[in-house]
Amino acid sequence: MTSAGPAVRLTGVVKSYGPVTAVDGLDLELDRAMVLALLGPNGAGKTTTVEMCEGFVRPDAGSVRVLGLDPIAESAALRPRIGVMLQGGGAYPGAKAGEMLGLVASYSANPIDPEWLLQTLGLVDARRTSYRRLSGGQQQRLALACALVGRPELVFLDEPTAGLDAQARHTVWELIDSLRRDGVSVLLTTHMMDEAEQLADELVIIDHGKIVASGTPSEITTRGAEGQLRFTAPAHLDLSLLEAALPEGFAPRETSPGSYLVVGEIDPQVLATVTAWCARIGVLATDLRVDQRRLEDVFLELTGRELRG
């Protein structure tokens, strides 16, 4: 039974652990058949937010609705309709991969064929291998299969491609994209900015329990970048000749080793000046972008560059 309204809606949600406020007045909404990537540094409140949506943690204040239901008070009605992928996998260490997936499938009234999932996620040869003997990437793929086998309307994916090689990663991306096309809603947490840009219809960046940015990947990377030209070239180039060649008021600078920024009214002549300067000094400028920043740059500007535990 599909209810009206968004797949996930949090309104004014607060959650504290002792003196630490993990989530601080959070408003968040995930529409049906959409992928939302929840981003933030360690300790930002991502895990607590997702655990409240999954019904594992009760908020101190505010409202959490998942598929129109209270994930704690109405958990029995909600659980058959959602899929949860846990970082730890949640499997019995001695269970064989095929047995584990078959067991999870048996809980569903209309499961996806477990054999198809094993084939799609490259686990056929590992079906008789115990969970503890699977590689990290195989455990990750099995956790994803267990989250999807019950045909959920909404799936929570925690770092779905952590530890996967490039081929497996793209297979998972294709699977997530097919879920969206089939009308499944996805709430995704990831530390991989390219993954978020590739998969998400909407991004939400949180820090210290508050939303610091939200929007489509394009909106977030272009917001505040008007009048900027960015390019990549060898690190520590002498920019004095470029500054002399540009119109007055332009101040090119190296924002990080090998990443360059020119700020001003960017027109075709300015772009030609930059490329001509690169040609004059014998370097190849790559990744030229006008009025757009990398998502990683935006993320670091909003949340800081210090390491967090």
C-alpha atoms as a PDB file:
ATOM      1  CA  MET A   1       0.000   0.000   0.000  1.00  0.00           C
ATOM      2  CA  THR A   2       1.508   3.305  -1.092  1.00  0.00           C
ATOM      3  CA  SER A   3       0.583   6.404   0.895  1.00  0.00           C
ATOM      4  CA  ALA A   4       0.615   9.939  -0.396  1.00  0.00           C
ATOM      5  CA  GLY A   5       3.284  12.461   0.488  1.00  0.00           C
ATOM      6  CA  PRO A   6       7.068  12.275   0.546  1.00  0.00           C
ATOM      7  CA  ALA A   7       8.956   9.076   1.291  1.00  0.00           C
ATOM      8  CA  VAL A   8      10.727  10.738   4.241  1.00  0.00           C
ATOM      9  CA  ARG A   9       9.838  13.910   6.123  1.00  0.00           C
ATOM     10  CA  LEU A  10      11.657  15.241   9.189  1.00  0.00           C
ATOM     11  CA  THR A  11      10.326  18.404  10.818  1.00  0.00           C
ATOM     12  CA  GLY A  12      12.191  20.239  13.567  1.00  0.00           C
ATOM     13  CA  VAL A  13      13.976  17.067  14.685  1.00  0.00           C
ATOM     14  CA  VAL A  14      16.321  17.269  17.670  1.00  0.00           C
ATOM     15  CA  LYS A  15      18.426  14.491  19.179  1.00  0.00           C
ATOM     16  CA  SER A  16      21.001  14.887  21.935  1.00  0.00           C
ATOM     17  CA  TYR A  17      23.343  12.502  23.683  1.00  0.00           C
ATOM     18  CA  GLY A  18      24.139  14.050  27.037  1.00  0.00           C
ATOM     19  CA  PRO A  19      25.675  17.478  26.401  1.00  0.00           C
ATOM     20  CA  VAL A  20      26.154  16.801  22.665  1.00  0.00           C
ATOM     21  CA  THR A  21      23.382  17.801  20.260  1.00  0.00           C
ATOM     22  CA  ALA A  22      23.751  15.395  17.332  1.00  0.00           C
ATOM     23  CA  VAL A  23      20.757  16.695  15.354  1.00  0.00           C
ATOM     24  CA  ASP A  24      19.619  20.264  15.891  1.00  0.00           C
ATOM     25  CA  GLY A  25      16.203  21.278  14.507  1.00  0.00           C
ATOM     26  CA  LEU A  26      16.554  19.351  11.249  1.00  0.00           C
ATOM     27  CA  ASP A  27      13.999  19.698   8.441  1.00  0.00           C
ATOM     28  CA  LEU A  28      14.489  17.202   5.619  1.00  0.00           C
ATOM     29  CA  GLU A  29      12.304  15.789   2.855  1.00  0.00           C
ATOM     30  CA  LEU A  30      12.824  12.986   0.333  1.00  0.00           C
ATOM     31  CA  ASP A  31      10.305  12.758  -2.500  1.00  0.00           C
ATOM     32  CA  ARG A  32       9.092   9.489  -3.972  1.00  0.00           C
ATOM     33  CA  ALA A  33      11.246   7.792  -6.614  1.00  0.00           C
ATOM     34  CA  MET A  34      14.158  10.116  -5.874  1.00  0.00           C
ATOM     35  CA  VAL A  35      17.705   9.623  -4.597  1.00  0.00           C
ATOM     36  CA  LEU A  36      18.804  11.923  -1.777  1.00  0.00           C
ATOM     37  CA  ALA A  37      22.452  11.924  -0.690  1.00  0.00           C
ATOM     38  CA  LEU A  38      23.041  12.973   2.906  1.00  0.00           C
ATOM     39  CA  LEU A  39      26.582  14.343   3.224  1.00  0.00           C
ATOM     40  CA  GLY A  40      28.601  15.595   6.149  1.00  0.00           C
ATOM     41  CA  PRO A  41      31.886  15.100   8.007  1.00  0.00           C
ATOM     42  CA  ASN A  42      32.247  12.543  10.772  1.00  0.00           C
ATOM     43  CA  GLY A  43      30.121  13.585  13.731  1.00  0.00           C
ATOM     44  CA  ALA A  44      27.852  15.825  11.656  1.00  0.00           C
ATOM     45  CA  GLY A  45      24.682  13.917  12.608  1.00  0.00           C
ATOM     46  CA  LYS A  46      24.208  11.775   9.493  1.00  0.00           C
ATOM     47  CA  THR A  47      24.083   8.411  11.255  1.00  0.00           C
ATOM     48  CA  THR A  48      21.736   9.659  13.964  1.00  0.00           C
ATOM     49  CA  THR A  49      19.433  11.157  11.336  1.00  0.00           C
ATOM     50  CA  VAL A  50      19.254   7.911   9.377  1.00  0.00           C
ATOM     51  CA  GLU A  51      18.808   5.809  12.539  1.00  0.00           C
ATOM     52  CA  MET A  52      15.802   7.943  13.507  1.00  0.00           C
ATOM     53  CA  CYS A  53      14.315   7.350  10.059  1.00  0.00           C
ATOM     54  CA  GLU A  54      14.915   3.610  10.412  1.00  0.00           C
ATOM     55  CA  GLY A  55      13.233   3.525  13.824  1.00  0.00           C
ATOM     56  CA  PHE A  56      16.360   2.602  15.802  1.00  0.00           C
ATOM     57  CA  VAL A  57      16.583   5.947  17.633  1.00  0.00           C
ATOM     58  CA  ARG A  58      13.777   8.061  19.097  1.00  0.00           C
ATOM     59  CA  PRO A  59      14.040  11.852  18.541  1.00  0.00           C
ATOM     60  CA  ASP A  60      13.933  14.155  21.556  1.00  0.00           C
ATOM     61  CA  ALA A  61      11.743  16.628  19.683  1.00  0.00           C
ATOM     62  CA  GLY A  62      10.191  17.078  16.262  1.00  0.00           C
ATOM     63  CA  SER A  63       8.443  14.735  13.873  1.00  0.00           C
ATOM     64  CA  VAL A  64       9.791  11.842  11.775  1.00  0.00           C
ATOM     65  CA  ARG A  65       7.562  10.266   9.124  1.00  0.00           C
ATOM     66  CA  VAL A  66       8.707   7.510   6.789  1.00  0.00           C
ATOM     67  CA  LEU A  67       6.270   6.459   4.045  1.00  0.00           C
ATOM     68  CA  GLY A  68       3.712   8.398   6.086  1.00  0.00           C
ATOM     69  CA  LEU A  69       4.316   6.316   9.226  1.00  0.00           C
ATOM     70  CA  ASP A  70       5.987   6.852  12.587  1.00  0.00           C
ATOM     71  CA  PRO A  71       9.070   4.578  12.305  1.00  0.00           C
ATOM     72  CA  ILE A  72       8.890   3.614  16.001  1.00  0.00           C
ATOM     73  CA  ALA A  73       5.177   3.574  16.859  1.00  0.00           C
ATOM     74  CA  GLU A  74       4.252   1.956  13.535  1.00  0.00           C
ATOM     75  CA  SER A  75       7.391  -0.097  12.960  1.00  0.00           C
ATOM     76  CA  ALA A  76       5.501  -3.340  12.311  1.00  0.00           C
ATOM     77  CA  ALA A  77       3.704  -1.749   9.348  1.00  0.00           C
ATOM     78  CA  LEU A  78       6.807   0.043   8.097  1.00  0.00           C
ATOM     79  CA  ARG A  79       9.479  -2.659   8.237  1.00  0.00           C
ATOM     80  CA  PRO A  80       8.184  -4.768   5.296  1.00  0.00           C
ATOM     81  CA  ARG A  81       8.243  -1.658   3.102  1.00  0.00           C
ATOM     82  CA  ILE A  82      11.824  -0.501   3.652  1.00  0.00           C
ATOM     83  CA  GLY A  83      15.286  -1.916   3.053  1.00  0.00           C
ATOM     84  CA  VAL A  84      18.248  -1.106   5.281  1.00  0.00           C
ATOM     85  CA  MET A  85      21.889  -1.563   4.340  1.00  0.00           C
ATOM     86  CA  LEU A  86      24.151  -1.469   7.376  1.00  0.00           C
ATOM     87  CA  GLN A  87      27.893  -0.783   7.289  1.00  0.00           C
ATOM     88  CA  GLY A  88      28.527  -3.831   9.483  1.00  0.00           C
ATOM     89  CA  GLY A  89      26.475  -6.004   7.146  1.00  0.00           C
ATOM     90  CA  GLY A  90      24.248  -7.419   9.921  1.00  0.00           C
ATOM     91  CA  ALA A  91      24.930 -11.018   8.842  1.00  0.00           C
ATOM     92  CA  TYR A  92      25.628 -14.076  10.981  1.00  0.00           C
ATOM     93  CA  PRO A  93      29.393 -14.709  10.771  1.00  0.00           C
ATOM     94  CA  GLY A  94      28.971 -18.434  10.095  1.00  0.00           C
ATOM     95  CA  ALA A  95      26.112 -18.136   7.597  1.00  0.00           C
ATOM     96  CA  LYS A  96      26.857 -18.760   3.951  1.00  0.00           C
ATOM     97  CA  ALA A  97      26.177 -15.882   1.591  1.00  0.00           C
ATOM     98  CA  GLY A  98      23.460 -17.685  -0.348  1.00  0.00           C
ATOM     99  CA  GLU A  99      21.787 -18.915   2.841  1.00  0.00           C
ATOM    100  CA  MET A 100      21.787 -15.447   4.348  1.00  0.00           C
ATOM    101  CA  LEU A 101      20.187 -13.853   1.304  1.00  0.00           C
ATOM    102  CA  GLY A 102      17.630 -16.670   1.069  1.00  0.00           C
ATOM    103  CA  LEU A 103      16.714 -16.197   4.725  1.00  0.00           C
ATOM    104  CA  VAL A 104      16.133 -12.470   4.283  1.00  0.00           C
ATOM    105  CA  ALA A 105      14.111 -13.161   1.123  1.00  0.00           C
ATOM    106  CA  SER A 106      11.897 -15.585   3.052  1.00  0.00           C
ATOM    107  CA  TYR A 107      10.698 -12.723   5.246  1.00  0.00           C
ATOM    108  CA  SER A 108       9.177 -10.937   2.238  1.00  0.00           C
ATOM    109  CA  ALA A 109       5.815 -11.652   0.615  1.00  0.00           C
ATOM    110  CA  ASN A 110       7.163 -10.877  -2.861  1.00  0.00           C
ATOM    111  CA  PRO A 111      10.968 -11.015  -2.877  1.00  0.00           C
ATOM    112  CA  ILE A 112      13.286 -10.384  -5.787  1.00  0.00           C
ATOM    113  CA  ASP A 113      14.789 -13.633  -7.028  1.00  0.00           C
ATOM    114  CA  PRO A 114      17.869 -14.124  -4.793  1.00  0.00           C
ATOM    115  CA  GLU A 115      19.636 -15.890  -7.646  1.00  0.00           C
ATOM    116  CA  TRP A 116      19.284 -12.794  -9.818  1.00  0.00           C
ATOM    117  CA  LEU A 117      20.739 -10.594  -7.106  1.00  0.00           C
ATOM    118  CA  LEU A 118      23.679 -12.965  -6.566  1.00  0.00           C
ATOM    119  CA  GLN A 119      24.337 -12.894 -10.308  1.00  0.00           C
ATOM    120  CA  THR A 120      23.931  -9.127 -10.654  1.00  0.00           C
ATOM    121  CA  LEU A 121      26.232  -8.357  -7.722  1.00  0.00           C
ATOM    122  CA  GLY A 122      28.887 -10.900  -8.648  1.00  0.00           C
ATOM    123  CA  LEU A 123      28.304 -13.196  -5.667  1.00  0.00           C
ATOM    124  CA  VAL A 124      27.490 -16.475  -7.416  1.00  0.00           C
ATOM    125  CA  ASP A 125      30.914 -17.966  -6.742  1.00  0.00           C
ATOM    126  CA  ALA A 126      30.681 -16.883  -3.100  1.00  0.00           C
ATOM    127  CA  ARG A 127      27.243 -18.347  -2.384  1.00  0.00           C
ATOM    128  CA  ARG A 128      28.686 -21.206  -0.285  1.00  0.00           C
ATOM    129  CA  THR A 129      31.279 -19.066   1.473  1.00  0.00           C
ATOM    130  CA  SER A 130      30.608 -18.126   5.088  1.00  0.00           C
ATOM    131  CA  TYR A 131      30.136 -14.438   5.787  1.00  0.00           C
ATOM    132  CA  ARG A 132      33.284 -14.222   7.903  1.00  0.00           C
ATOM    133  CA  ARG A 133      35.353 -15.521   4.968  1.00  0.00           C
ATOM    134  CA  LEU A 134      33.968 -13.088   2.403  1.00  0.00           C
ATOM    135  CA  SER A 135      36.166 -10.184   1.344  1.00  0.00           C
ATOM    136  CA  GLY A 136      35.167  -6.716   2.493  1.00  0.00           C
ATOM    137  CA  GLY A 137      33.773  -5.936  -0.947  1.00  0.00           C
ATOM    138  CA  GLN A 138      31.766  -9.172  -1.025  1.00  0.00           C
ATOM    139  CA  GLN A 139      30.329  -8.444   2.424  1.00  0.00           C
ATOM    140  CA  GLN A 140      29.347  -5.005   1.191  1.00  0.00           C
ATOM    141  CA  ARG A 141      27.588  -6.413  -1.877  1.00  0.00           C
ATOM    142  CA  LEU A 142      25.787  -9.027   0.223  1.00  0.00           C
ATOM    143  CA  ALA A 143      24.552  -6.285   2.577  1.00  0.00           C
ATOM    144  CA  LEU A 144      23.186  -4.411  -0.437  1.00  0.00           C
ATOM    145  CA  ALA A 145      21.492  -7.573  -1.759  1.00  0.00           C
ATOM    146  CA  CYS A 146      19.851  -8.157   1.637  1.00  0.00           C
ATOM    147  CA  ALA A 147      18.561  -4.569   1.656  1.00  0.00           C
ATOM    148  CA  LEU A 148      16.993  -4.935  -1.784  1.00  0.00           C
ATOM    149  CA  VAL A 149      15.680  -8.509  -1.877  1.00  0.00           C
ATOM    150  CA  GLY A 150      12.347  -7.613  -0.230  1.00  0.00           C
ATOM    151  CA  ARG A 151      11.363  -5.122  -2.991  1.00  0.00           C
ATOM    152  CA  PRO A 152      11.317  -2.095  -0.650  1.00  0.00           C
ATOM    153  CA  GLU A 153       9.540   1.143  -1.489  1.00  0.00           C
ATOM    154  CA  LEU A 154      12.339   2.994   0.289  1.00  0.00           C
ATOM    155  CA  VAL A 155      15.918   1.891   0.870  1.00  0.00           C
ATOM    156  CA  PHE A 156      18.552   3.311   3.220  1.00  0.00           C
ATOM    157  CA  LEU A 157      22.082   2.827   1.887  1.00  0.00           C
ATOM    158  CA  ASP A 158      25.055   3.527   4.145  1.00  0.00           C
ATOM    159  CA  GLU A 159      28.279   3.902   2.130  1.00  0.00           C
ATOM    160  CA  PRO A 160      27.064   1.352  -0.465  1.00  0.00           C
ATOM    161  CA  THR A 161      30.310   1.214  -2.469  1.00  0.00           C
ATOM    162  CA  ALA A 162      32.864   1.423   0.360  1.00  0.00           C
ATOM    163  CA  GLY A 163      35.677  -1.004  -0.351  1.00  0.00           C
ATOM    164  CA  LEU A 164      34.474  -1.925  -3.844  1.00  0.00           C
ATOM    165  CA  ASP A 165      36.642  -1.970  -6.945  1.00  0.00           C
ATOM    166  CA  ALA A 166      35.767   0.201  -9.942  1.00  0.00           C
ATOM    167  CA  GLN A 167      33.739  -2.466 -11.767  1.00  0.00           C
ATOM    168  CA  ALA A 168      31.671  -3.404  -8.709  1.00  0.00           C
ATOM    169  CA  ARG A 169      31.161   0.250  -7.880  1.00  0.00           C
ATOM    170  CA  HIS A 170      29.661   1.010 -11.282  1.00  0.00           C
ATOM    171  CA  THR A 171      27.468  -2.092 -11.032  1.00  0.00           C
ATOM    172  CA  VAL A 172      26.059  -0.759  -7.763  1.00  0.00           C
ATOM    173  CA  TRP A 173      25.548   2.673  -9.318  1.00  0.00           C
ATOM    174  CA  GLU A 174      23.570   1.124 -12.165  1.00  0.00           C
ATOM    175  CA  LEU A 175      21.482  -0.857  -9.690  1.00  0.00           C
ATOM    176  CA  ILE A 176      20.653   2.261  -7.665  1.00  0.00           C
ATOM    177  CA  ASP A 177      19.708   4.097 -10.852  1.00  0.00           C
ATOM    178  CA  SER A 178      17.397   1.221 -11.815  1.00  0.00           C
ATOM    179  CA  LEU A 179      15.758   1.409  -8.375  1.00  0.00           C
ATOM    180  CA  ARG A 180      14.891   5.060  -8.992  1.00  0.00           C
ATOM    181  CA  ARG A 181      13.456   4.224 -12.420  1.00  0.00           C
ATOM    182  CA  ASP A 182      11.326   1.546 -10.773  1.00  0.00           C
ATOM    183  CA  GLY A 183       9.888   4.106  -8.352  1.00  0.00           C
ATOM    184  CA  VAL A 184      11.980   3.237  -5.290  1.00  0.00           C
ATOM    185  CA  SER A 185      13.123   6.096  -3.042  1.00  0.00           C
ATOM    186  CA  VAL A 186      16.739   6.027  -1.846  1.00  0.00           C
ATOM    187  CA  LEU A 187      18.343   7.790   1.115  1.00  0.00           C
ATOM    188  CA  LEU A 188      22.086   7.477   0.634  1.00  0.00           C
ATOM    189  CA  THR A 189      25.002   8.404   2.871  1.00  0.00           C
ATOM    190  CA  THR A 190      28.443   8.528   1.319  1.00  0.00           C
ATOM    191  CA  HIS A 191      31.821  10.170   1.756  1.00  0.00           C
ATOM    192  CA  MET A 192      32.473   9.930  -2.004  1.00  0.00           C
ATOM    193  CA  MET A 193      31.618  13.235  -3.658  1.00  0.00           C
ATOM    194  CA  ASP A 194      31.667  11.814  -7.198  1.00  0.00           C
ATOM    195  CA  GLU A 195      29.206   9.131  -6.090  1.00  0.00           C
ATOM    196  CA  ALA A 196      26.860  11.737  -4.642  1.00  0.00           C
ATOM    197  CA  GLU A 197      27.008  13.828  -7.830  1.00  0.00           C
ATOM    198  CA  GLN A 198      26.496  10.772 -10.028  1.00  0.00           C
ATOM    199  CA  LEU A 199      23.540   9.274  -8.174  1.00  0.00           C
ATOM    200  CA  ALA A 200      21.638  11.950  -6.279  1.00  0.00           C
ATOM    201  CA  ASP A 201      18.697  14.025  -7.458  1.00  0.00           C
ATOM    202  CA  GLU A 202      19.081  16.080  -4.292  1.00  0.00           C
ATOM    203  CA  LEU A 203      22.007  16.708  -1.955  1.00  0.00           C
ATOM    204  CA  VAL A 204      21.772  17.707   1.695  1.00  0.00           C
ATOM    205  CA  ILE A 205      24.987  18.697   3.493  1.00  0.00           C
ATOM    206  CA  ILE A 206      24.782  18.757   7.278  1.00  0.00           C
ATOM    207  CA  ASP A 207      27.263  19.844   9.907  1.00  0.00           C
ATOM    208  CA  HIS A 208      26.857  19.948  13.681  1.00  0.00           C
ATOM    209  CA  GLY A 209      23.333  18.616  13.238  1.00  0.00           C
ATOM    210  CA  LYS A 210      22.152  21.440  10.963  1.00  0.00           C
ATOM    211  CA  ILE A 211      21.674  21.678   7.199  1.00  0.00           C
ATOM    212  CA  VAL A 212      24.310  23.975   5.704  1.00  0.00           C
ATOM    213  CA  ALA A 213      23.369  23.430   2.021  1.00  0.00           C
ATOM    214  CA  SER A 214      20.734  21.636  -0.004  1.00  0.00           C
ATOM    215  CA  GLY A 215      19.713  21.428  -3.642  1.00  0.00           C
ATOM    216  CA  THR A 216      20.517  19.544  -6.806  1.00  0.00           C
ATOM    217  CA  PRO A 217      24.204  18.805  -7.468  1.00  0.00           C
ATOM    218  CA  SER A 218      24.214  21.516 -10.136  1.00  0.00           C
ATOM    219  CA  GLU A 219      22.596  24.083  -7.840  1.00  0.00           C
ATOM    220  CA  ILE A 220      25.075  23.463  -5.044  1.00  0.00           C
ATOM    221  CA  THR A 221      28.178  23.554  -7.243  1.00  0.00           C
ATOM    222  CA  THR A 222      27.128  26.724  -9.104  1.00  0.00           C
ATOM    223  CA  ARG A 223      25.755  28.630  -6.093  1.00  0.00           C
ATOM    224  CA  GLY A 224      28.171  31.386  -5.126  1.00  0.00           C
ATOM    225  CA  ALA A 225      30.471  30.622  -8.057  1.00  0.00           C
ATOM    226  CA  GLU A 226      29.299  33.388 -10.389  1.00  0.00           C
ATOM    227  CA  GLY A 227      32.234  35.052 -12.090  1.00  0.00           C
ATOM    228  CA  GLN A 228      34.687  32.222 -11.504  1.00  0.00           C
ATOM    229  CA  LEU A 229      36.888  30.265 -13.886  1.00  0.00           C
ATOM    230  CA  ARG A 230      38.562  27.152 -12.478  1.00  0.00           C
ATOM    231  CA  PHE A 231      41.120  24.909 -14.107  1.00  0.00           C
ATOM    232  CA  THR A 232      43.663  22.247 -13.244  1.00  0.00           C
ATOM    233  CA  ALA A 233      47.352  22.415 -14.245  1.00  0.00           C
ATOM    234  CA  PRO A 234      50.749  21.515 -12.744  1.00  0.00           C
ATOM    235  CA  ALA A 235      51.186  22.816  -9.216  1.00  0.00           C
ATOM    236  CA  HIS A 236      52.964  26.029  -8.172  1.00  0.00           C
ATOM    237  CA  LEU A 237      52.918  27.861 -11.519  1.00  0.00           C
ATOM    238  CA  ASP A 238      54.095  31.479 -11.590  1.00  0.00           C
ATOM    239  CA  LEU A 239      50.863  33.444 -12.088  1.00  0.00           C
ATOM    240  CA  SER A 240      52.435  36.867 -12.522  1.00  0.00           C
ATOM    241  CA  LEU A 241      52.361  36.768 -16.347  1.00  0.00           C
ATOM    242  CA  LEU A 242      48.751  35.577 -16.329  1.00  0.00           C
ATOM    243  CA  GLU A 243      47.734  38.371 -13.971  1.00  0.00           C
ATOM    244  CA  ALA A 244      49.484  40.920 -16.226  1.00  0.00           C
ATOM    245  CA  ALA A 245      47.656  39.598 -19.305  1.00  0.00           C
ATOM    246  CA  LEU A 246      44.200  39.630 -17.715  1.00  0.00           C
ATOM    247  CA  PRO A 247      42.044  42.798 -17.501  1.00  0.00           C
ATOM    248  CA  GLU A 248      42.518  45.001 -14.464  1.00  0.00           C
ATOM    249  CA  GLY A 249      40.921  43.654 -11.296  1.00  0.00           C
ATOM    250  CA  PHE A 250      41.403  39.971 -12.057  1.00  0.00           C
ATOM    251  CA  ALA A 251      43.409  38.103  -9.416  1.00  0.00           C
ATOM    252  CA  PRO A 252      44.309  34.540 -10.393  1.00  0.00           C
ATOM    253  CA  ARG A 253      45.380  32.295  -7.530  1.00  0.00           C
ATOM    254  CA  GLU A 254      46.197  28.691  -6.745  1.00  0.00           C
ATOM    255  CA  THR A 255      43.534  27.454  -4.300  1.00  0.00           C
ATOM    256  CA  SER A 256      45.274  24.114  -3.672  1.00  0.00           C
ATOM    257  CA  PRO A 257      48.239  22.442  -5.393  1.00  0.00           C
ATOM    258  CA  GLY A 258      47.357  22.203  -9.082  1.00  0.00           C
ATOM    259  CA  SER A 259      43.919  23.875  -8.760  1.00  0.00           C
ATOM    260  CA  TYR A 260      43.620  27.455 -10.053  1.00  0.00           C
ATOM    261  CA  LEU A 261      40.925  30.104  -9.776  1.00  0.00           C
ATOM    262  CA  VAL A 262      40.349  33.286 -11.790  1.00  0.00           C
ATOM    263  CA  VAL A 263      37.690  35.625 -10.374  1.00  0.00           C
ATOM    264  CA  GLY A 264      35.996  38.347 -12.377  1.00  0.00           C
ATOM    265  CA  GLU A 265      33.567  38.769 -15.261  1.00  0.00           C
ATOM    266  CA  ILE A 266      34.381  35.667 -17.289  1.00  0.00           C
ATOM    267  CA  ASP A 267      33.867  36.169 -21.023  1.00  0.00           C
ATOM    268  CA  PRO A 268      35.340  34.466 -24.123  1.00  0.00           C
ATOM    269  CA  GLN A 269      38.318  36.861 -24.152  1.00  0.00           C
ATOM    270  CA  VAL A 270      39.250  35.998 -20.553  1.00  0.00           C
ATOM    271  CA  LEU A 271      38.993  32.290 -21.320  1.00  0.00           C
ATOM    272  CA  ALA A 272      41.194  32.763 -24.408  1.00  0.00           C
ATOM    273  CA  THR A 273      43.745  34.690 -22.336  1.00  0.00           C
ATOM    274  CA  VAL A 274      44.016  31.866 -19.821  1.00  0.00           C
ATOM    275  CA  THR A 275      44.413  29.150 -22.456  1.00  0.00           C
ATOM    276  CA  ALA A 276      46.935  31.274 -24.405  1.00  0.00           C
ATOM    277  CA  TRP A 277      48.984  31.763 -21.209  1.00  0.00           C
ATOM    278  CA  CYS A 278      48.979  28.006 -20.620  1.00  0.00           C
ATOM    279  CA  ALA A 279      50.158  27.426 -24.195  1.00  0.00           C
ATOM    280  CA  ARG A 280      52.884  30.054 -23.802  1.00  0.00           C
ATOM    281  CA  ILE A 281      54.379  28.345 -20.747  1.00  0.00           C
ATOM    282  CA  GLY A 282      53.903  24.864 -22.197  1.00  0.00           C
ATOM    283  CA  VAL A 283      51.325  23.412 -19.819  1.00  0.00           C
ATOM    284  CA  LEU A 284      48.002  21.722 -20.529  1.00  0.00           C
ATOM    285  CA  ALA A 285      45.060  23.108 -18.567  1.00  0.00           C
ATOM    286  CA  THR A 286      42.413  20.503 -17.842  1.00  0.00           C
ATOM    287  CA  ASP A 287      38.984  20.483 -16.221  1.00  0.00           C
ATOM    288  CA  LEU A 288      38.171  24.100 -17.171  1.00  0.00           C
ATOM    289  CA  ARG A 289      34.896  25.112 -15.515  1.00  0.00           C
ATOM    290  CA  VAL A 290      33.091  28.439 -15.625  1.00  0.00           C
ATOM    291  CA  ASP A 291      30.676  29.327 -12.806  1.00  0.00           C
ATOM    292  CA  GLN A 292      30.934  25.882 -11.223  1.00  0.00           C
ATOM    293  CA  ARG A 293      32.904  24.439  -8.344  1.00  0.00           C
ATOM    294  CA  ARG A 294      33.717  20.864  -7.507  1.00  0.00           C
ATOM    295  CA  LEU A 295      31.350  19.404  -4.940  1.00  0.00           C
ATOM    296  CA  GLU A 296      34.359  18.519  -2.793  1.00  0.00           C
ATOM    297  CA  ASP A 297      35.416  22.196  -2.757  1.00  0.00           C
ATOM    298  CA  VAL A 298      31.932  23.283  -1.676  1.00  0.00           C
ATOM    299  CA  PHE A 299      31.813  20.569   0.978  1.00  0.00           C
ATOM    300  CA  LEU A 300      35.145  21.622   2.484  1.00  0.00           C
ATOM    301  CA  GLU A 301      34.243  25.315   2.405  1.00  0.00           C
ATOM    302  CA  LEU A 302      31.012  24.600   4.301  1.00  0.00           C
ATOM    303  CA  THR A 303      32.263  22.040   6.824  1.00  0.00           C
ATOM    304  CA  GLY A 304      35.944  22.917   7.247  1.00  0.00           C
ATOM    305  CA  ARG A 305      39.121  21.056   6.422  1.00  0.00           C
ATOM    306  CA  GLU A 306      40.133  19.773   9.846  1.00  0.00           C
ATOM    307  CA  LEU A 307      40.101  16.013  10.457  1.00  0.00           C
ATOM    308  CA  ARG A 308      37.376  14.765  12.780  1.00  0.00           C
ATOM    309  CA  GLY A 309      37.178  11.556  14.748  1.00  0.00           C
END
